[in-house]
Amino acid sequence: MDIYHIIKRPLVTEKGTHQSQGSQAATRTKPARGGAYTFEVHAGASKPEIKQAIEKIYNVKVRAVRTANHEGKRRRYRFKIGKTSDWKKAVVVLHGDYHIDLF
């Protein structure tokens, strides 16, 4: 799978903006941590694939990747009941020296 097909779009929300600005300095026991950025990703993408795609597209160093699968909601349109698409969300935590200028 191509790295540009893995990352669909960044999710810009209030919570995501707040997490992207929250970096932590290094302490004696923990290394420095950059902000956490949220993206909508391909449903079949794994954590190593997401990490590699973010590092190559945005030229940053990724520390951790957290993923969550979201099931589509049931919606009614006129007299029919349908369902919105399922999607996958990835929260990418960067190393302390890096940030992404999207947010």
N, C-alpha and C. Protein backbone atom coordinates (compact mmCIF):
# COMPACT_ATOMS: atom_id res chain seq x y z
N MET A 1 0.84 -1.17 0.00
CA MET A 1 0.00 0.00 0.00
C MET A 1 0.90 1.25 0.00
N ASP A 2 0.55 2.22 -0.79
CA ASP A 2 1.30 3.46 -0.92
C ASP A 2 1.14 4.30 0.35
N ILE A 3 2.20 5.02 0.77
CA ILE A 3 2.13 5.80 2.00
C ILE A 3 1.12 6.93 1.90
N TYR A 4 0.87 7.42 0.70
CA TYR A 4 -0.10 8.50 0.53
C TYR A 4 -1.54 8.00 0.55
N HIS A 5 -1.75 6.69 0.47
CA HIS A 5 -3.09 6.12 0.61
C HIS A 5 -3.35 5.68 2.05
N ILE A 6 -2.32 5.54 2.85
CA ILE A 6 -2.50 5.14 4.25
C ILE A 6 -3.11 6.29 5.04
N ILE A 7 -2.55 7.50 4.89
CA ILE A 7 -3.05 8.66 5.62
C ILE A 7 -4.11 9.34 4.76
N LYS A 8 -5.35 9.37 5.22
CA LYS A 8 -6.43 9.98 4.45
C LYS A 8 -6.49 11.48 4.69
N ARG A 9 -6.55 11.89 5.97
CA ARG A 9 -6.65 13.32 6.27
C ARG A 9 -6.36 13.53 7.75
N PRO A 10 -5.90 14.72 8.12
CA PRO A 10 -5.77 15.02 9.55
C PRO A 10 -7.14 15.37 10.12
N LEU A 11 -7.37 14.97 11.35
CA LEU A 11 -8.63 15.29 12.03
C LEU A 11 -8.39 16.52 12.91
N VAL A 12 -8.97 17.64 12.51
CA VAL A 12 -8.79 18.89 13.24
C VAL A 12 -10.03 19.10 14.11
N THR A 13 -9.88 18.84 15.40
CA THR A 13 -10.94 19.02 16.38
C THR A 13 -10.38 19.83 17.54
N GLU A 14 -11.23 20.22 18.46
CA GLU A 14 -10.77 20.95 19.63
C GLU A 14 -9.82 20.09 20.47
N LYS A 15 -10.20 18.85 20.68
CA LYS A 15 -9.37 17.95 21.47
C LYS A 15 -8.04 17.69 20.78
N GLY A 16 -8.08 17.47 19.48
CA GLY A 16 -6.85 17.21 18.73
C GLY A 16 -5.91 18.41 18.72
N THR A 17 -6.47 19.60 18.62
CA THR A 17 -5.65 20.81 18.66
C THR A 17 -5.00 20.98 20.02
N HIS A 18 -5.75 20.69 21.06
CA HIS A 18 -5.21 20.80 22.42
C HIS A 18 -4.09 19.77 22.63
N GLN A 19 -4.27 18.55 22.15
CA GLN A 19 -3.25 17.51 22.31
C GLN A 19 -2.00 17.82 21.49
N SER A 20 -2.15 18.47 20.36
CA SER A 20 -0.99 18.77 19.52
C SER A 20 -0.11 19.85 20.15
N GLN A 21 -0.68 20.69 20.97
CA GLN A 21 0.08 21.76 21.61
C GLN A 21 0.70 21.32 22.93
N GLY A 22 0.31 20.17 23.44
CA GLY A 22 0.78 19.71 24.75
C GLY A 22 2.04 18.88 24.66
N SER A 23 3.20 19.51 24.64
CA SER A 23 4.45 18.77 24.66
C SER A 23 5.00 18.77 26.08
N GLN A 24 5.80 17.77 26.40
CA GLN A 24 6.36 17.64 27.74
C GLN A 24 7.86 17.59 27.66
N ALA A 25 8.52 18.27 28.56
CA ALA A 25 9.98 18.27 28.61
C ALA A 25 10.47 16.95 29.22
N ALA A 26 11.72 16.65 28.98
CA ALA A 26 12.31 15.42 29.51
C ALA A 26 12.52 15.55 31.01
N THR A 27 12.27 14.47 31.72
CA THR A 27 12.57 14.40 33.14
C THR A 27 13.65 13.36 33.35
N ARG A 28 13.96 13.11 34.59
CA ARG A 28 15.01 12.13 34.88
C ARG A 28 14.60 10.71 34.47
N THR A 29 13.33 10.40 34.56
CA THR A 29 12.86 9.05 34.27
C THR A 29 12.17 8.91 32.91
N LYS A 30 11.66 10.01 32.35
CA LYS A 30 10.93 9.93 31.08
C LYS A 30 11.59 10.80 30.03
N PRO A 31 11.66 10.33 28.78
CA PRO A 31 12.21 11.17 27.70
C PRO A 31 11.20 12.24 27.29
N ALA A 32 11.68 13.22 26.52
CA ALA A 32 10.82 14.30 26.06
C ALA A 32 9.74 13.74 25.13
N ARG A 33 8.59 14.39 25.15
CA ARG A 33 7.46 13.96 24.34
C ARG A 33 6.92 15.17 23.61
N GLY A 34 6.74 15.01 22.31
CA GLY A 34 6.13 16.07 21.51
C GLY A 34 4.62 15.99 21.57
N GLY A 35 3.97 16.71 20.71
CA GLY A 35 2.52 16.71 20.69
C GLY A 35 1.95 15.44 20.09
N ALA A 36 0.65 15.25 20.27
CA ALA A 36 -0.08 14.12 19.71
C ALA A 36 -1.00 14.62 18.61
N TYR A 37 -0.90 14.05 17.44
CA TYR A 37 -1.65 14.48 16.27
C TYR A 37 -2.58 13.36 15.82
N THR A 38 -3.79 13.73 15.40
CA THR A 38 -4.81 12.75 15.05
C THR A 38 -5.04 12.74 13.54
N PHE A 39 -5.12 11.54 12.96
CA PHE A 39 -5.33 11.38 11.53
C PHE A 39 -6.38 10.31 11.28
N GLU A 40 -7.12 10.47 10.18
CA GLU A 40 -7.97 9.39 9.69
C GLU A 40 -7.11 8.57 8.74
N VAL A 41 -7.05 7.26 8.96
CA VAL A 41 -6.17 6.40 8.18
C VAL A 41 -6.97 5.30 7.50
N HIS A 42 -6.32 4.60 6.60
CA HIS A 42 -6.92 3.47 5.90
C HIS A 42 -7.26 2.39 6.92
N ALA A 43 -8.40 1.75 6.75
CA ALA A 43 -8.86 0.77 7.74
C ALA A 43 -7.95 -0.45 7.84
N GLY A 44 -7.21 -0.78 6.79
CA GLY A 44 -6.34 -1.93 6.81
C GLY A 44 -4.90 -1.62 7.19
N ALA A 45 -4.61 -0.39 7.56
CA ALA A 45 -3.24 0.02 7.88
C ALA A 45 -2.86 -0.44 9.28
N SER A 46 -1.63 -0.90 9.42
CA SER A 46 -1.13 -1.31 10.73
C SER A 46 -0.33 -0.16 11.36
N LYS A 47 0.00 -0.31 12.65
CA LYS A 47 0.74 0.74 13.34
C LYS A 47 2.11 1.00 12.73
N PRO A 48 2.90 -0.02 12.36
CA PRO A 48 4.19 0.27 11.71
C PRO A 48 4.04 0.98 10.36
N GLU A 49 3.01 0.64 9.60
CA GLU A 49 2.77 1.31 8.33
C GLU A 49 2.40 2.77 8.54
N ILE A 50 1.57 3.05 9.55
CA ILE A 50 1.17 4.42 9.86
C ILE A 50 2.39 5.22 10.30
N LYS A 51 3.22 4.63 11.14
CA LYS A 51 4.43 5.30 11.63
C LYS A 51 5.36 5.66 10.47
N GLN A 52 5.58 4.71 9.57
CA GLN A 52 6.46 4.94 8.43
C GLN A 52 5.89 6.03 7.52
N ALA A 53 4.58 6.02 7.28
CA ALA A 53 3.96 7.02 6.41
C ALA A 53 4.08 8.42 7.00
N ILE A 54 3.81 8.57 8.29
CA ILE A 54 3.90 9.89 8.93
C ILE A 54 5.33 10.40 8.90
N GLU A 55 6.30 9.52 9.18
CA GLU A 55 7.70 9.94 9.20
C GLU A 55 8.17 10.40 7.81
N LYS A 56 7.72 9.73 6.76
CA LYS A 56 8.15 10.11 5.41
C LYS A 56 7.40 11.33 4.88
N ILE A 57 6.12 11.43 5.15
CA ILE A 57 5.34 12.54 4.61
C ILE A 57 5.68 13.85 5.32
N TYR A 58 5.75 13.84 6.64
CA TYR A 58 5.94 15.07 7.40
C TYR A 58 7.37 15.29 7.89
N ASN A 59 8.28 14.36 7.62
CA ASN A 59 9.68 14.47 7.98
C ASN A 59 9.85 14.71 9.49
N VAL A 60 9.22 13.86 10.29
CA VAL A 60 9.29 13.91 11.75
C VAL A 60 9.67 12.53 12.27
N LYS A 61 9.93 12.43 13.56
CA LYS A 61 10.24 11.15 14.19
C LYS A 61 9.09 10.80 15.13
N VAL A 62 8.45 9.66 14.88
CA VAL A 62 7.27 9.22 15.64
C VAL A 62 7.72 8.40 16.83
N ARG A 63 7.12 8.70 17.98
CA ARG A 63 7.43 7.96 19.20
C ARG A 63 6.44 6.82 19.44
N ALA A 64 5.15 7.06 19.21
CA ALA A 64 4.13 6.04 19.45
C ALA A 64 2.93 6.28 18.54
N VAL A 65 2.20 5.20 18.28
CA VAL A 65 0.98 5.27 17.48
C VAL A 65 -0.12 4.54 18.23
N ARG A 66 -1.25 5.20 18.38
CA ARG A 66 -2.43 4.57 18.99
C ARG A 66 -3.54 4.58 17.94
N THR A 67 -4.25 3.47 17.81
CA THR A 67 -5.31 3.39 16.80
C THR A 67 -6.63 3.03 17.45
N ALA A 68 -7.72 3.42 16.77
CA ALA A 68 -9.07 3.08 17.21
C ALA A 68 -9.94 2.90 15.98
N ASN A 69 -10.71 1.82 15.97
CA ASN A 69 -11.67 1.57 14.89
C ASN A 69 -13.01 2.14 15.28
N HIS A 70 -13.61 2.94 14.40
CA HIS A 70 -14.92 3.53 14.65
C HIS A 70 -15.93 2.90 13.72
N GLU A 71 -16.99 2.39 14.30
CA GLU A 71 -18.04 1.78 13.51
C GLU A 71 -18.99 2.87 13.02
N GLY A 72 -19.47 2.71 11.79
CA GLY A 72 -20.38 3.69 11.22
C GLY A 72 -21.72 3.71 11.94
N LYS A 73 -22.38 4.86 11.88
CA LYS A 73 -23.66 5.01 12.56
C LYS A 73 -24.81 4.69 11.61
N ARG A 74 -25.92 4.27 12.18
CA ARG A 74 -27.12 4.04 11.38
C ARG A 74 -27.78 5.37 11.11
N ARG A 75 -28.15 5.59 9.86
CA ARG A 75 -28.80 6.83 9.45
C ARG A 75 -30.03 6.50 8.62
N ARG A 76 -31.03 7.36 8.72
CA ARG A 76 -32.24 7.18 7.94
C ARG A 76 -32.32 8.27 6.89
N TYR A 77 -32.61 7.88 5.67
CA TYR A 77 -32.80 8.82 4.58
C TYR A 77 -34.14 8.51 3.94
N ARG A 78 -35.07 9.40 4.08
CA ARG A 78 -36.44 9.21 3.64
C ARG A 78 -37.03 7.95 4.25
N PHE A 79 -37.27 6.92 3.45
CA PHE A 79 -37.89 5.72 3.99
C PHE A 79 -36.92 4.55 4.11
N LYS A 80 -35.64 4.82 3.92
CA LYS A 80 -34.65 3.75 3.98
C LYS A 80 -33.69 3.98 5.14
N ILE A 81 -33.22 2.88 5.68
CA ILE A 81 -32.22 2.95 6.75
C ILE A 81 -30.91 2.46 6.18
N GLY A 82 -29.87 3.26 6.39
CA GLY A 82 -28.55 2.90 5.90
C GLY A 82 -27.53 3.01 7.01
N LYS A 83 -26.27 2.98 6.64
CA LYS A 83 -25.20 3.04 7.62
C LYS A 83 -24.04 3.82 7.02
N THR A 84 -23.46 4.71 7.82
CA THR A 84 -22.29 5.43 7.35
C THR A 84 -21.08 4.49 7.36
N SER A 85 -20.02 4.89 6.72
CA SER A 85 -18.85 4.03 6.58
C SER A 85 -18.11 3.87 7.89
N ASP A 86 -17.51 2.69 8.08
CA ASP A 86 -16.60 2.47 9.19
C ASP A 86 -15.29 3.18 8.88
N TRP A 87 -14.57 3.63 9.92
CA TRP A 87 -13.31 4.32 9.69
C TRP A 87 -12.35 4.07 10.84
N LYS A 88 -11.10 4.39 10.62
CA LYS A 88 -10.05 4.14 11.60
C LYS A 88 -9.33 5.44 11.91
N LYS A 89 -9.07 5.66 13.20
CA LYS A 89 -8.40 6.87 13.66
C LYS A 89 -7.05 6.48 14.25
N ALA A 90 -6.03 7.29 13.99
CA ALA A 90 -4.70 7.07 14.55
C ALA A 90 -4.24 8.32 15.26
N VAL A 91 -3.78 8.16 16.50
CA VAL A 91 -3.18 9.25 17.26
C VAL A 91 -1.68 9.00 17.27
N VAL A 92 -0.93 9.94 16.72
CA VAL A 92 0.52 9.80 16.54
C VAL A 92 1.22 10.73 17.52
N VAL A 93 2.07 10.17 18.38
CA VAL A 93 2.83 10.95 19.35
C VAL A 93 4.25 11.11 18.80
N LEU A 94 4.74 12.35 18.78
CA LEU A 94 6.06 12.63 18.22
C LEU A 94 7.11 12.74 19.33
N HIS A 95 8.37 12.63 18.93
CA HIS A 95 9.48 12.88 19.84
C HIS A 95 9.50 14.37 20.20
N GLY A 96 10.19 14.72 21.27
CA GLY A 96 10.14 16.06 21.81
C GLY A 96 10.61 17.17 20.90
N ASP A 97 11.52 16.90 19.98
CA ASP A 97 12.08 17.95 19.13
C ASP A 97 11.27 18.23 17.88
N TYR A 98 10.21 17.50 17.63
CA TYR A 98 9.47 17.59 16.38
C TYR A 98 8.05 18.10 16.60
N HIS A 99 7.49 18.71 15.55
CA HIS A 99 6.08 19.09 15.53
C HIS A 99 5.63 19.18 14.07
N ILE A 100 4.32 19.14 13.88
CA ILE A 100 3.71 19.26 12.56
C ILE A 100 2.96 20.58 12.51
N ASP A 101 3.13 21.34 11.46
CA ASP A 101 2.55 22.69 11.38
C ASP A 101 1.14 22.73 10.79
N LEU A 102 0.43 21.62 10.79
CA LEU A 102 -0.92 21.62 10.26
C LEU A 102 -1.93 22.24 11.21
N PHE A 103 -1.70 22.09 12.49
CA PHE A 103 -2.73 22.43 13.47
C PHE A 103 -2.55 23.79 14.06
